Amino acid sequence: MDDERIIEQGQHLSEELAKEQQRAGRWRCPVDLRTHIVTYAVACSAEGESHRRIADRLGMTQRTLSRWIRKAHQARAGVRAVAIVPAEHRRITTPAPQAPLRLVSPHGYVIEGLDPEVLVSLLQVLG
């Protein structure tokens, strides 16, 4: 995101946040606005900007912004929904393993005891 766009988006979100504060008469933020703010802040953070600087631009506290970002990351870290669809009608043949298969995901989940066909299917579905 270029600097001009960052500033423009930040001003827009700041205005929306201020309008909501005036309308509600207290500091409340609707879920959809909060989602936009978190998305914006994550993009700015990826560019190396601190939460404090982002929060100052938006007219909110750094503590609140950091909490919203943390909660959004925690919500995404859980189990995600997947669709299981019929695979093409081809059979994947693999030799029988000598030792039981074990898969460790980047998040530390361990999958053991699946036969190769089921493990390959699971990996295809999960991406």
N, C-alpha and C. Protein backbone atom coordinates (compact mmCIF):
# COMPACT_ATOMS: atom_id res chain seq x y z
N MET A 1 0.86 -1.17 0.00
CA MET A 1 0.00 0.00 0.00
C MET A 1 0.91 1.24 0.00
N ASP A 2 0.67 2.18 -0.89
CA ASP A 2 1.50 3.37 -0.93
C ASP A 2 1.09 4.35 0.17
N ASP A 3 2.01 5.29 0.48
CA ASP A 3 1.80 6.22 1.59
C ASP A 3 0.53 7.05 1.44
N GLU A 4 0.26 7.51 0.24
CA GLU A 4 -0.92 8.33 0.00
C GLU A 4 -2.20 7.55 0.29
N ARG A 5 -2.23 6.31 -0.16
CA ARG A 5 -3.41 5.46 0.07
C ARG A 5 -3.56 5.13 1.56
N ILE A 6 -2.46 4.89 2.24
CA ILE A 6 -2.50 4.61 3.69
C ILE A 6 -3.13 5.79 4.42
N ILE A 7 -2.67 6.99 4.10
CA ILE A 7 -3.18 8.19 4.77
C ILE A 7 -4.66 8.39 4.44
N GLU A 8 -5.01 8.22 3.18
CA GLU A 8 -6.40 8.39 2.75
C GLU A 8 -7.33 7.40 3.46
N GLN A 9 -6.93 6.14 3.48
CA GLN A 9 -7.75 5.12 4.15
C GLN A 9 -7.84 5.39 5.64
N GLY A 10 -6.71 5.78 6.24
CA GLY A 10 -6.69 6.08 7.67
C GLY A 10 -7.63 7.22 8.02
N GLN A 11 -7.65 8.27 7.18
CA GLN A 11 -8.55 9.40 7.42
C GLN A 11 -10.01 8.96 7.32
N HIS A 12 -10.30 8.15 6.32
CA HIS A 12 -11.67 7.67 6.14
C HIS A 12 -12.11 6.85 7.36
N LEU A 13 -11.27 5.92 7.79
CA LEU A 13 -11.63 5.08 8.95
C LEU A 13 -11.74 5.93 10.21
N SER A 14 -10.87 6.92 10.36
CA SER A 14 -10.92 7.80 11.52
C SER A 14 -12.24 8.58 11.55
N GLU A 15 -12.66 9.07 10.39
CA GLU A 15 -13.92 9.80 10.30
C GLU A 15 -15.11 8.88 10.63
N GLU A 16 -15.08 7.67 10.10
CA GLU A 16 -16.16 6.72 10.39
C GLU A 16 -16.21 6.39 11.88
N LEU A 17 -15.06 6.22 12.49
CA LEU A 17 -15.00 5.92 13.91
C LEU A 17 -15.53 7.09 14.74
N ALA A 18 -15.15 8.32 14.36
CA ALA A 18 -15.63 9.51 15.07
C ALA A 18 -17.15 9.66 14.93
N LYS A 19 -17.68 9.43 13.72
CA LYS A 19 -19.13 9.50 13.51
C LYS A 19 -19.85 8.50 14.41
N GLU A 20 -19.31 7.30 14.48
CA GLU A 20 -19.95 6.26 15.29
C GLU A 20 -19.92 6.62 16.77
N GLN A 21 -18.82 7.22 17.22
CA GLN A 21 -18.72 7.64 18.61
C GLN A 21 -19.75 8.72 18.93
N GLN A 22 -19.93 9.67 18.03
CA GLN A 22 -20.91 10.75 18.24
C GLN A 22 -22.33 10.20 18.21
N ARG A 23 -22.59 9.30 17.27
CA ARG A 23 -23.93 8.74 17.13
C ARG A 23 -24.31 7.93 18.35
N ALA A 24 -23.42 7.11 18.82
CA ALA A 24 -23.72 6.21 19.94
C ALA A 24 -23.66 6.93 21.28
N GLY A 25 -22.94 8.06 21.34
CA GLY A 25 -22.84 8.78 22.62
C GLY A 25 -21.84 8.14 23.56
N ARG A 26 -21.22 7.08 23.14
CA ARG A 26 -20.17 6.43 23.93
C ARG A 26 -19.27 5.69 22.95
N TRP A 27 -18.18 5.17 23.43
CA TRP A 27 -17.21 4.55 22.54
C TRP A 27 -17.64 3.11 22.24
N ARG A 28 -18.30 2.95 21.11
CA ARG A 28 -18.73 1.64 20.61
C ARG A 28 -18.34 1.58 19.15
N CYS A 29 -17.95 0.42 18.70
CA CYS A 29 -17.55 0.28 17.29
C CYS A 29 -18.26 -0.93 16.70
N PRO A 30 -19.04 -0.73 15.64
CA PRO A 30 -19.72 -1.85 15.00
C PRO A 30 -18.70 -2.88 14.47
N VAL A 31 -19.14 -4.11 14.40
CA VAL A 31 -18.27 -5.20 13.99
C VAL A 31 -17.67 -4.98 12.60
N ASP A 32 -18.48 -4.51 11.66
CA ASP A 32 -17.95 -4.33 10.30
C ASP A 32 -16.88 -3.23 10.25
N LEU A 33 -17.06 -2.13 11.00
CA LEU A 33 -16.05 -1.08 11.05
C LEU A 33 -14.79 -1.60 11.74
N ARG A 34 -14.97 -2.35 12.81
CA ARG A 34 -13.84 -2.93 13.52
C ARG A 34 -13.04 -3.85 12.60
N THR A 35 -13.74 -4.63 11.78
CA THR A 35 -13.08 -5.53 10.83
C THR A 35 -12.25 -4.73 9.83
N HIS A 36 -12.81 -3.63 9.32
CA HIS A 36 -12.07 -2.78 8.38
C HIS A 36 -10.83 -2.17 9.04
N ILE A 37 -10.99 -1.73 10.28
CA ILE A 37 -9.87 -1.13 11.01
C ILE A 37 -8.77 -2.16 11.22
N VAL A 38 -9.13 -3.38 11.62
CA VAL A 38 -8.13 -4.42 11.85
C VAL A 38 -7.42 -4.78 10.55
N THR A 39 -8.17 -4.92 9.47
CA THR A 39 -7.57 -5.23 8.17
C THR A 39 -6.58 -4.14 7.77
N TYR A 40 -6.97 -2.90 7.94
CA TYR A 40 -6.11 -1.75 7.64
C TYR A 40 -4.85 -1.79 8.51
N ALA A 41 -5.03 -2.00 9.81
CA ALA A 41 -3.90 -2.00 10.74
C ALA A 41 -2.92 -3.14 10.46
N VAL A 42 -3.44 -4.30 10.10
CA VAL A 42 -2.57 -5.44 9.78
C VAL A 42 -1.75 -5.12 8.53
N ALA A 43 -2.38 -4.49 7.54
CA ALA A 43 -1.65 -4.11 6.32
C ALA A 43 -0.57 -3.08 6.63
N CYS A 44 -0.89 -2.11 7.48
CA CYS A 44 0.11 -1.10 7.86
C CYS A 44 1.24 -1.73 8.67
N SER A 45 0.90 -2.63 9.56
CA SER A 45 1.91 -3.32 10.37
C SER A 45 2.85 -4.13 9.48
N ALA A 46 2.30 -4.73 8.43
CA ALA A 46 3.13 -5.52 7.51
C ALA A 46 4.15 -4.62 6.80
N GLU A 47 3.83 -3.33 6.69
CA GLU A 47 4.74 -2.37 6.08
C GLU A 47 5.74 -1.82 7.10
N GLY A 48 5.65 -2.30 8.35
CA GLY A 48 6.61 -1.90 9.38
C GLY A 48 6.15 -0.80 10.31
N GLU A 49 4.90 -0.43 10.22
CA GLU A 49 4.38 0.65 11.05
C GLU A 49 3.95 0.11 12.42
N SER A 50 4.17 0.89 13.47
CA SER A 50 3.81 0.45 14.82
C SER A 50 2.32 0.61 15.07
N HIS A 51 1.81 -0.19 16.01
CA HIS A 51 0.40 -0.09 16.38
C HIS A 51 0.11 1.31 16.95
N ARG A 52 1.06 1.87 17.68
CA ARG A 52 0.85 3.20 18.27
C ARG A 52 0.63 4.25 17.17
N ARG A 53 1.45 4.22 16.14
CA ARG A 53 1.32 5.21 15.07
C ARG A 53 0.00 5.03 14.30
N ILE A 54 -0.37 3.77 14.07
CA ILE A 54 -1.63 3.49 13.37
C ILE A 54 -2.81 3.97 14.22
N ALA A 55 -2.77 3.65 15.52
CA ALA A 55 -3.85 4.05 16.42
C ALA A 55 -3.96 5.58 16.50
N ASP A 56 -2.83 6.27 16.56
CA ASP A 56 -2.86 7.74 16.58
C ASP A 56 -3.52 8.29 15.32
N ARG A 57 -3.21 7.70 14.17
CA ARG A 57 -3.80 8.16 12.91
C ARG A 57 -5.31 7.96 12.93
N LEU A 58 -5.76 6.87 13.57
CA LEU A 58 -7.19 6.55 13.58
C LEU A 58 -7.95 7.25 14.70
N GLY A 59 -7.22 7.83 15.66
CA GLY A 59 -7.87 8.51 16.77
C GLY A 59 -8.36 7.55 17.83
N MET A 60 -7.60 6.52 18.07
CA MET A 60 -7.96 5.54 19.09
C MET A 60 -6.73 5.17 19.89
N THR A 61 -6.90 4.42 20.96
CA THR A 61 -5.74 4.04 21.76
C THR A 61 -5.03 2.85 21.15
N GLN A 62 -3.73 2.82 21.35
CA GLN A 62 -2.91 1.70 20.87
C GLN A 62 -3.33 0.40 21.54
N ARG A 63 -3.69 0.48 22.79
CA ARG A 63 -4.09 -0.71 23.55
C ARG A 63 -5.32 -1.37 22.93
N THR A 64 -6.32 -0.56 22.58
CA THR A 64 -7.54 -1.09 21.97
C THR A 64 -7.24 -1.69 20.61
N LEU A 65 -6.47 -0.98 19.80
CA LEU A 65 -6.13 -1.49 18.47
C LEU A 65 -5.38 -2.81 18.57
N SER A 66 -4.40 -2.88 19.44
CA SER A 66 -3.62 -4.13 19.60
C SER A 66 -4.51 -5.28 20.07
N ARG A 67 -5.46 -4.98 20.96
CA ARG A 67 -6.38 -6.01 21.44
C ARG A 67 -7.26 -6.52 20.30
N TRP A 68 -7.78 -5.63 19.48
CA TRP A 68 -8.61 -6.03 18.34
C TRP A 68 -7.82 -6.90 17.37
N ILE A 69 -6.58 -6.53 17.09
CA ILE A 69 -5.75 -7.31 16.18
C ILE A 69 -5.48 -8.69 16.77
N ARG A 70 -5.15 -8.74 18.05
CA ARG A 70 -4.87 -10.02 18.71
C ARG A 70 -6.10 -10.93 18.68
N LYS A 71 -7.28 -10.37 18.97
CA LYS A 71 -8.50 -11.18 18.94
C LYS A 71 -8.80 -11.69 17.54
N ALA A 72 -8.56 -10.87 16.53
CA ALA A 72 -8.79 -11.30 15.15
C ALA A 72 -7.86 -12.44 14.77
N HIS A 73 -6.59 -12.36 15.21
CA HIS A 73 -5.64 -13.44 14.92
C HIS A 73 -6.05 -14.72 15.65
N GLN A 74 -6.50 -14.59 16.89
CA GLN A 74 -6.93 -15.76 17.65
C GLN A 74 -8.14 -16.42 17.01
N ALA A 75 -9.05 -15.61 16.51
CA ALA A 75 -10.26 -16.16 15.87
C ALA A 75 -9.90 -16.94 14.62
N ARG A 76 -8.88 -16.46 13.88
CA ARG A 76 -8.47 -17.15 12.66
C ARG A 76 -7.60 -18.36 12.94
N ALA A 77 -7.02 -18.44 14.15
CA ALA A 77 -6.09 -19.53 14.46
C ALA A 77 -6.82 -20.84 14.78
N GLY A 78 -8.11 -20.78 14.98
CA GLY A 78 -8.87 -21.98 15.31
C GLY A 78 -9.11 -22.86 14.10
N VAL A 79 -10.02 -23.74 14.24
CA VAL A 79 -10.37 -24.65 13.16
C VAL A 79 -11.10 -23.86 12.07
N ARG A 80 -10.71 -24.07 10.84
CA ARG A 80 -11.39 -23.37 9.76
C ARG A 80 -12.34 -24.31 9.04
N ALA A 81 -13.38 -23.74 8.49
CA ALA A 81 -14.37 -24.53 7.77
C ALA A 81 -13.79 -24.98 6.43
N VAL A 82 -14.06 -26.20 6.05
CA VAL A 82 -13.63 -26.71 4.75
C VAL A 82 -14.82 -27.40 4.10
N ALA A 83 -14.79 -27.45 2.80
CA ALA A 83 -15.82 -28.17 2.06
C ALA A 83 -15.20 -29.46 1.55
N ILE A 84 -15.86 -30.55 1.78
CA ILE A 84 -15.38 -31.84 1.28
C ILE A 84 -16.21 -32.17 0.05
N VAL A 85 -15.52 -32.28 -1.06
CA VAL A 85 -16.18 -32.54 -2.33
C VAL A 85 -15.64 -33.83 -2.91
N PRO A 86 -16.43 -34.50 -3.75
CA PRO A 86 -15.94 -35.74 -4.34
C PRO A 86 -14.69 -35.48 -5.19
N ALA A 87 -13.72 -36.35 -5.04
CA ALA A 87 -12.49 -36.24 -5.81
C ALA A 87 -12.70 -36.84 -7.20
N GLU A 88 -11.77 -36.54 -8.06
CA GLU A 88 -11.82 -37.16 -9.37
C GLU A 88 -11.72 -38.67 -9.19
N HIS A 89 -12.24 -39.40 -10.15
CA HIS A 89 -12.22 -40.85 -10.04
C HIS A 89 -10.88 -41.40 -10.48
N ARG A 90 -9.90 -41.18 -9.67
CA ARG A 90 -8.59 -41.77 -9.91
C ARG A 90 -8.08 -42.28 -8.58
N ARG A 91 -7.38 -43.28 -8.63
CA ARG A 91 -6.89 -43.90 -7.42
C ARG A 91 -5.39 -43.64 -7.30
N ILE A 92 -5.00 -43.12 -6.17
CA ILE A 92 -3.59 -42.88 -5.92
C ILE A 92 -3.04 -44.11 -5.24
N THR A 93 -2.05 -44.69 -5.85
CA THR A 93 -1.45 -45.88 -5.27
C THR A 93 -0.08 -45.53 -4.72
N THR A 94 0.14 -45.93 -3.52
CA THR A 94 1.43 -45.72 -2.87
C THR A 94 1.85 -47.03 -2.23
N PRO A 95 3.13 -47.25 -2.13
CA PRO A 95 3.58 -48.47 -1.47
C PRO A 95 3.23 -48.43 0.02
N ALA A 96 3.05 -49.58 0.59
CA ALA A 96 2.73 -49.67 2.01
C ALA A 96 3.90 -49.10 2.82
N PRO A 97 3.62 -48.20 3.75
CA PRO A 97 4.70 -47.59 4.53
C PRO A 97 5.30 -48.58 5.51
N GLN A 98 6.57 -48.40 5.77
CA GLN A 98 7.26 -49.25 6.74
C GLN A 98 6.90 -48.83 8.17
N ALA A 99 6.77 -47.52 8.37
CA ALA A 99 6.42 -47.00 9.70
C ALA A 99 5.10 -46.24 9.56
N PRO A 100 4.35 -46.08 10.63
CA PRO A 100 3.09 -45.33 10.54
C PRO A 100 3.37 -43.89 10.07
N LEU A 101 2.48 -43.37 9.25
CA LEU A 101 2.64 -42.01 8.76
C LEU A 101 2.31 -41.03 9.88
N ARG A 102 3.07 -39.94 9.92
CA ARG A 102 2.86 -38.90 10.92
C ARG A 102 3.04 -37.56 10.24
N LEU A 103 2.06 -36.68 10.38
CA LEU A 103 2.11 -35.35 9.79
C LEU A 103 2.03 -34.34 10.92
N VAL A 104 2.97 -33.37 10.93
CA VAL A 104 2.96 -32.29 11.91
C VAL A 104 2.75 -31.00 11.13
N SER A 105 1.66 -30.28 11.45
CA SER A 105 1.35 -29.03 10.73
C SER A 105 2.23 -27.90 11.25
N PRO A 106 2.31 -26.80 10.51
CA PRO A 106 3.07 -25.65 10.98
C PRO A 106 2.56 -25.09 12.30
N HIS A 107 1.28 -25.32 12.61
CA HIS A 107 0.71 -24.85 13.87
C HIS A 107 0.85 -25.86 14.99
N GLY A 108 1.53 -26.98 14.73
CA GLY A 108 1.79 -27.96 15.76
C GLY A 108 0.77 -29.08 15.89
N TYR A 109 -0.22 -29.14 15.01
CA TYR A 109 -1.18 -30.23 15.06
C TYR A 109 -0.50 -31.49 14.54
N VAL A 110 -0.78 -32.61 15.18
CA VAL A 110 -0.18 -33.88 14.79
C VAL A 110 -1.28 -34.82 14.31
N ILE A 111 -1.07 -35.39 13.13
CA ILE A 111 -2.02 -36.35 12.58
C ILE A 111 -1.26 -37.65 12.41
N GLU A 112 -1.78 -38.70 13.07
CA GLU A 112 -1.11 -40.00 13.02
C GLU A 112 -2.13 -41.09 12.72
N GLY A 113 -1.62 -42.18 12.18
CA GLY A 113 -2.43 -43.37 12.04
C GLY A 113 -3.33 -43.42 10.82
N LEU A 114 -3.25 -42.46 9.94
CA LEU A 114 -4.08 -42.50 8.74
C LEU A 114 -3.36 -43.29 7.65
N ASP A 115 -4.13 -44.00 6.85
CA ASP A 115 -3.49 -44.67 5.74
C ASP A 115 -3.14 -43.63 4.68
N PRO A 116 -2.22 -43.92 3.78
CA PRO A 116 -1.73 -42.93 2.82
C PRO A 116 -2.82 -42.28 1.98
N GLU A 117 -3.81 -43.04 1.54
CA GLU A 117 -4.87 -42.48 0.70
C GLU A 117 -5.67 -41.42 1.45
N VAL A 118 -6.02 -41.71 2.69
CA VAL A 118 -6.80 -40.76 3.48
C VAL A 118 -5.96 -39.53 3.79
N LEU A 119 -4.67 -39.71 4.11
CA LEU A 119 -3.80 -38.60 4.41
C LEU A 119 -3.64 -37.69 3.18
N VAL A 120 -3.46 -38.28 2.01
CA VAL A 120 -3.34 -37.49 0.77
C VAL A 120 -4.64 -36.74 0.50
N SER A 121 -5.76 -37.39 0.70
CA SER A 121 -7.06 -36.72 0.49
C SER A 121 -7.23 -35.55 1.46
N LEU A 122 -6.86 -35.75 2.70
CA LEU A 122 -6.96 -34.71 3.71
C LEU A 122 -6.07 -33.52 3.33
N LEU A 123 -4.86 -33.79 2.90
CA LEU A 123 -3.96 -32.71 2.49
C LEU A 123 -4.49 -31.97 1.28
N GLN A 124 -5.11 -32.65 0.36
CA GLN A 124 -5.68 -32.00 -0.81
C GLN A 124 -6.83 -31.09 -0.41
N VAL A 125 -7.64 -31.53 0.53
CA VAL A 125 -8.79 -30.73 0.97
C VAL A 125 -8.31 -29.51 1.76
N LEU A 126 -7.34 -29.69 2.63
CA LEU A 126 -6.85 -28.59 3.47
C LEU A 126 -5.93 -27.64 2.72
N GLY A 127 -5.39 -28.10 1.61
CA GLY A 127 -4.52 -27.21 0.81
C GLY A 127 -3.18 -27.24 1.35
